[in-house]
């Protein structure tokens, strides 16, 4: 097949990407779709279609970046999450599919006209997704980074929920007033000593502040547990994403702050990924 055809370019790209990626075929297809402005259906229906010199040059530029372990979502500046596309920049964490576990747990708890608080919102995926799924819900999202808040604002506007979402800059509860039915957070939870051993796709491209949870990975949970009760409505819930093996330690931190009712939610891999906590 001609190397400048869709099929030829994809085959060559898959072979090169297989050296560094377990999803070489998907990576190659997504990058080609973006550079050649073709759909998945076009690829299937017209594999022999010739690509322009400009498209091939852009495809090669994207391939060079991917071969250096830059994630496809970073290259394209967007990530699909819970059926929606979210804008990404180097200022925010690249959302992982595991966080959809927290979304599922939250949707089961949201009551009509609920008010939610998303701490450390980053790209805004949690708050924006929940407000988009529940049109009578309102929320507040905080982040220490003004650059992250700008991305969250952009994503909220993209998905039509900006009128129901307040955005405030500050650390955890510092810019927060009032109480909420649901307090949510996907905090940094990786122990500092584990950062050098992370895959290059994560270590070299996600903001360090969005990854590192201090020496034991639990610093953010301590801060959240310390102040959550003061901002939680009666019968409200706190939902936090957790890392591998952290369920017991995080539960204990919240228990010390008065949260006795704990429920664990597992991700698709069968690992504890999210905790739901209530007072009393």
Protein backbone atom coordinates (compact mmCIF):
# COMPACT_ATOMS: atom_id res chain seq x y z
CA UNK A 1 0.00 0.00 0.00
CA UNK A 2 1.31 3.50 -0.77
CA UNK A 3 3.09 5.12 2.20
CA UNK A 4 1.15 8.33 1.61
CA UNK A 5 -2.23 6.61 1.79
CA UNK A 6 -4.31 6.48 4.96
CA UNK A 7 -3.69 2.76 5.38
CA UNK A 8 0.01 3.04 4.58
CA UNK A 9 0.59 5.91 6.98
CA UNK A 10 -1.29 4.15 9.75
CA UNK A 11 0.57 0.88 9.31
CA UNK A 12 3.96 2.58 9.48
CA UNK A 13 2.89 4.63 12.49
CA UNK A 14 1.58 1.61 14.38
CA UNK A 15 4.87 -0.22 13.91
CA UNK A 16 6.87 2.72 15.26
CA UNK A 17 4.54 3.44 18.16
CA UNK A 18 4.45 -0.22 19.24
CA UNK A 19 7.94 0.35 20.63
CA UNK A 20 6.66 2.78 23.27
CA UNK A 21 2.89 2.38 23.56
CA UNK A 22 0.46 -0.41 24.43
CA UNK A 23 -2.19 1.45 22.44
CA UNK A 24 -0.20 2.02 19.27
CA UNK A 25 -3.10 1.46 16.86
CA UNK A 26 -5.39 3.85 18.72
CA UNK A 27 -2.66 6.46 19.12
CA UNK A 28 -1.86 6.38 15.42
CA UNK A 29 -5.51 6.65 14.40
CA UNK A 30 -6.27 9.59 16.69
CA UNK A 31 -3.21 11.50 15.54
CA UNK A 32 -3.99 10.86 11.88
CA UNK A 33 -7.61 11.88 12.28
CA UNK A 34 -6.48 15.18 13.76
CA UNK A 35 -3.85 15.95 11.17
CA UNK A 36 -5.67 14.77 8.06
CA UNK A 37 -9.17 15.87 9.15
CA UNK A 38 -10.61 12.42 8.56
CA UNK A 39 -13.07 10.43 10.64
CA UNK A 40 -12.86 6.85 11.84
CA UNK A 41 -15.47 6.03 9.20
CA UNK A 42 -13.30 7.64 6.49
CA UNK A 43 -10.37 5.47 7.52
CA UNK A 44 -12.47 2.32 7.17
CA UNK A 45 -14.21 3.34 3.96
CA UNK A 46 -11.27 4.90 2.10
CA UNK A 47 -8.01 3.29 3.25
CA UNK A 48 -6.32 4.08 -0.08
CA UNK A 49 -7.09 7.80 0.04
CA UNK A 50 -3.88 9.78 -0.50
CA UNK A 51 -2.86 12.27 2.16
CA UNK A 52 -1.57 15.73 1.33
CA UNK A 53 2.05 16.66 1.91
CA UNK A 54 0.90 19.09 4.60
CA UNK A 55 -1.07 16.39 6.42
CA UNK A 56 1.83 13.97 6.27
CA UNK A 57 4.22 16.60 7.62
CA UNK A 58 1.91 17.40 10.53
CA UNK A 59 1.38 13.70 11.19
CA UNK A 60 5.13 13.18 11.37
CA UNK A 61 5.48 16.12 13.76
CA UNK A 62 2.84 14.59 16.03
CA UNK A 63 4.51 11.19 15.76
CA UNK A 64 7.82 12.68 16.89
CA UNK A 65 6.14 14.06 19.98
CA UNK A 66 4.37 10.79 20.75
CA UNK A 67 7.60 8.81 20.32
CA UNK A 68 9.06 11.09 23.00
CA UNK A 69 6.28 9.76 25.30
CA UNK A 70 4.07 12.83 25.14
CA UNK A 71 0.49 11.59 25.63
CA UNK A 72 -1.89 11.82 22.68
CA UNK A 73 -4.25 13.97 24.73
CA UNK A 74 -1.45 16.45 25.35
CA UNK A 75 -0.57 16.56 21.67
CA UNK A 76 -4.18 17.15 20.67
CA UNK A 77 -4.93 19.48 23.59
CA UNK A 78 -8.09 17.59 24.51
CA UNK A 79 -9.27 14.53 26.42
CA UNK A 80 -12.57 12.68 26.17
CA UNK A 81 -14.12 12.09 29.60
CA UNK A 82 -17.57 10.71 30.38
CA UNK A 83 -18.69 11.24 26.80
CA UNK A 84 -17.46 14.84 26.50
CA UNK A 85 -14.32 16.48 25.16
CA UNK A 86 -12.35 18.64 27.60
CA UNK A 87 -9.66 21.14 26.74
CA UNK A 88 -6.21 20.44 28.20
CA UNK A 89 -3.06 22.50 28.64
CA UNK A 90 0.20 21.77 30.48
CA UNK A 91 -1.31 23.60 33.48
CA UNK A 92 -3.77 20.82 34.35
CA UNK A 93 -3.79 17.10 35.08
CA UNK A 94 -4.69 14.85 32.17
CA UNK A 95 -7.96 13.21 33.30
CA UNK A 96 -7.85 9.42 33.69
CA UNK A 97 -10.73 7.05 32.99
CA UNK A 98 -10.51 5.86 36.62
CA UNK A 99 -12.00 9.18 37.74
CA UNK A 100 -15.24 8.18 36.06
CA UNK A 101 -15.70 5.93 39.12
CA UNK A 102 -16.09 9.06 41.22
CA UNK A 103 -18.57 10.52 38.70
CA UNK A 104 -20.73 7.39 38.82
CA UNK A 105 -20.71 7.43 42.63
CA UNK A 106 -21.62 11.13 42.73
CA UNK A 107 -24.47 10.84 40.25
CA UNK A 108 -26.10 8.23 42.46
CA UNK A 109 -26.03 10.66 45.39
CA UNK A 110 -27.05 13.95 43.79
CA UNK A 111 -30.54 15.02 44.76
CA UNK A 112 -32.67 17.64 42.99
CA UNK A 113 -31.21 21.16 43.23
CA UNK A 114 -28.04 19.97 44.93
CA UNK A 115 -25.08 22.28 45.44
CA UNK A 116 -21.64 20.76 45.00
CA UNK A 117 -18.07 21.79 45.76
CA UNK A 118 -15.17 20.57 43.61
CA UNK A 119 -11.83 21.12 45.35
CA UNK A 120 -8.71 21.38 43.18
CA UNK A 121 -10.79 21.32 40.03
CA UNK A 122 -7.96 21.40 37.47
CA UNK A 123 -9.53 21.19 34.03
CA UNK A 124 -12.97 21.16 35.65
CA UNK A 125 -13.89 17.65 34.57
CA UNK A 126 -15.65 16.68 37.80
CA UNK A 127 -17.74 19.81 38.32
CA UNK A 128 -18.51 20.34 34.64
CA UNK A 129 -19.48 16.71 34.07
CA UNK A 130 -21.79 16.59 37.08
CA UNK A 131 -23.47 19.88 36.23
CA UNK A 132 -23.91 18.75 32.63
CA UNK A 133 -25.45 15.47 33.77
CA UNK A 134 -27.71 17.12 36.36
CA UNK A 135 -29.09 20.40 34.91
CA UNK A 136 -30.72 21.51 38.18
CA UNK A 137 -27.43 21.33 40.10
CA UNK A 138 -25.15 24.28 40.92
CA UNK A 139 -21.58 24.28 42.08
CA UNK A 140 -18.39 25.96 43.18
CA UNK A 141 -14.95 24.89 41.96
CA UNK A 142 -11.64 25.95 43.48
CA UNK A 143 -8.02 25.66 42.46
CA UNK A 144 -4.75 27.16 43.61
CA UNK A 145 -3.69 27.77 40.00
CA UNK A 146 -5.23 30.69 38.08
CA UNK A 147 -4.16 29.00 34.85
CA UNK A 148 -6.10 25.87 35.79
CA UNK A 149 -9.17 27.93 36.63
CA UNK A 150 -9.00 29.52 33.18
CA UNK A 151 -9.12 26.06 31.60
CA UNK A 152 -11.97 25.01 33.89
CA UNK A 153 -13.88 28.14 32.87
CA UNK A 154 -13.29 27.34 29.20
CA UNK A 155 -14.57 23.79 29.65
CA UNK A 156 -17.60 24.96 31.63
CA UNK A 157 -18.46 27.38 28.85
CA UNK A 158 -17.91 24.70 26.20
CA UNK A 159 -20.44 22.41 27.88
CA UNK A 160 -22.99 25.05 28.75
CA UNK A 161 -22.72 25.01 32.55
CA UNK A 162 -20.78 28.21 33.29
CA UNK A 163 -23.90 30.02 34.50
CA UNK A 164 -24.26 27.39 37.25
CA UNK A 165 -20.60 27.17 38.27
CA UNK A 166 -18.62 29.62 40.40
CA UNK A 167 -14.83 29.51 40.16
CA UNK A 168 -12.54 30.73 42.94
CA UNK A 169 -8.79 30.72 43.39
CA UNK A 170 -7.24 29.39 46.56
CA UNK A 171 -5.98 26.34 48.42
CA UNK A 172 -8.67 23.78 49.22
CA UNK A 173 -11.30 25.44 51.46
CA UNK A 174 -9.55 28.83 51.76
CA UNK A 175 -11.80 30.63 49.22
CA UNK A 176 -14.95 28.70 50.21
CA UNK A 177 -17.95 29.96 52.12
CA UNK A 178 -21.27 28.30 52.76
CA UNK A 179 -22.21 24.63 52.82
CA UNK A 180 -22.77 21.97 50.19
CA UNK A 181 -24.62 18.74 49.58
CA UNK A 182 -21.61 17.13 47.95
CA UNK A 183 -17.89 17.87 48.39
CA UNK A 184 -15.70 16.21 45.80
CA UNK A 185 -11.99 15.99 45.14
CA UNK A 186 -9.48 14.09 43.08
CA UNK A 187 -6.42 15.27 45.02
CA UNK A 188 -2.72 14.65 44.40
CA UNK A 189 -2.09 11.36 46.17
CA UNK A 190 1.22 9.94 44.92
CA UNK A 191 4.00 9.78 47.57
CA UNK A 192 6.85 12.08 46.61
CA UNK A 193 9.35 9.22 46.55
CA UNK A 194 7.27 7.43 43.90
CA UNK A 195 7.32 10.30 41.39
CA UNK A 196 10.68 9.43 39.74
CA UNK A 197 9.40 5.91 39.01
CA UNK A 198 6.24 7.00 37.21
CA UNK A 199 5.83 6.37 33.49
CA UNK A 200 7.34 9.17 31.41
CA UNK A 201 3.88 9.91 29.95
CA UNK A 202 2.80 10.98 33.45
CA UNK A 203 5.99 12.18 35.16
CA UNK A 204 7.14 14.48 32.37
CA UNK A 205 3.80 15.97 31.31
CA UNK A 206 1.40 16.26 34.25
CA UNK A 207 1.92 19.20 36.65
CA UNK A 208 3.92 18.00 39.63
CA UNK A 209 1.58 19.78 42.03
CA UNK A 210 -1.31 17.71 40.67
CA UNK A 211 0.53 14.46 41.35
CA UNK A 212 2.46 14.77 44.61
CA UNK A 213 0.61 14.18 47.86
CA UNK A 214 3.60 14.78 50.11
CA UNK A 215 5.87 12.20 51.72
CA UNK A 216 3.11 9.65 52.31
CA UNK A 217 0.64 10.78 49.63
CA UNK A 218 -1.96 11.79 52.22
CA UNK A 219 -1.37 15.52 52.74
CA UNK A 220 -4.37 16.64 50.70
CA UNK A 221 -6.71 14.23 52.51
CA UNK A 222 -5.62 15.66 55.86
CA UNK A 223 -6.44 19.19 54.69
CA UNK A 224 -9.83 18.13 53.30
CA UNK A 225 -10.81 16.06 56.34
CA UNK A 226 -9.88 18.93 58.67
CA UNK A 227 -12.39 21.37 57.19
CA UNK A 228 -15.00 19.33 55.29
CA UNK A 229 -17.51 19.01 58.13
CA UNK A 230 -17.80 22.78 58.44
CA UNK A 231 -18.95 23.04 54.81
CA UNK A 232 -21.18 19.97 54.56
CA UNK A 233 -24.97 20.10 54.72
CA UNK A 234 -26.81 17.57 56.93
CA UNK A 235 -26.91 14.21 55.15
CA UNK A 236 -24.28 15.50 52.73
CA UNK A 237 -21.42 13.40 51.35
CA UNK A 238 -17.71 13.81 50.76
CA UNK A 239 -16.36 11.91 47.75
CA UNK A 240 -12.62 11.54 47.20
CA UNK A 241 -10.60 9.61 44.68
CA UNK A 242 -7.80 7.53 46.21
CA UNK A 243 -4.67 5.76 45.06
CA UNK A 244 -3.76 2.10 45.32
CA UNK A 245 -3.79 0.81 48.89
CA UNK A 246 -4.90 4.11 50.44
CA UNK A 247 -8.49 3.23 51.39
CA UNK A 248 -7.79 2.31 55.00
CA UNK A 249 -5.48 5.26 55.70
CA UNK A 250 -7.81 7.81 54.12
CA UNK A 251 -10.82 6.34 55.92
CA UNK A 252 -8.97 6.65 59.22
CA UNK A 253 -8.13 10.31 58.59
CA UNK A 254 -11.78 11.13 57.95
CA UNK A 255 -12.95 8.99 60.88
CA UNK A 256 -10.80 11.12 63.17
CA UNK A 257 -12.69 14.16 61.83
CA UNK A 258 -16.09 12.62 62.58
CA UNK A 259 -16.83 10.81 59.34
CA UNK A 260 -17.95 7.31 60.36
CA UNK A 261 -19.97 6.16 57.37
CA UNK A 262 -17.65 5.06 54.59
CA UNK A 263 -18.44 3.33 51.32
CA UNK A 264 -15.82 2.14 48.83
CA UNK A 265 -16.21 2.16 45.06
CA UNK A 266 -14.02 0.11 42.75
CA UNK A 267 -12.75 1.00 39.29
CA UNK A 268 -12.97 -1.30 36.28
CA UNK A 269 -9.74 -2.99 37.37
CA UNK A 270 -11.32 -4.01 40.68
CA UNK A 271 -9.26 -1.58 42.78
CA UNK A 272 -10.68 0.73 45.47
CA UNK A 273 -10.75 4.07 43.62
CA UNK A 274 -13.25 6.28 45.44
CA UNK A 275 -14.56 6.76 48.97
CA UNK A 276 -17.94 8.18 49.92
CA UNK A 277 -18.02 9.53 53.49
CA UNK A 278 -20.74 10.91 55.78
CA UNK A 279 -20.70 12.42 59.23
CA UNK A 280 -21.97 10.54 62.24
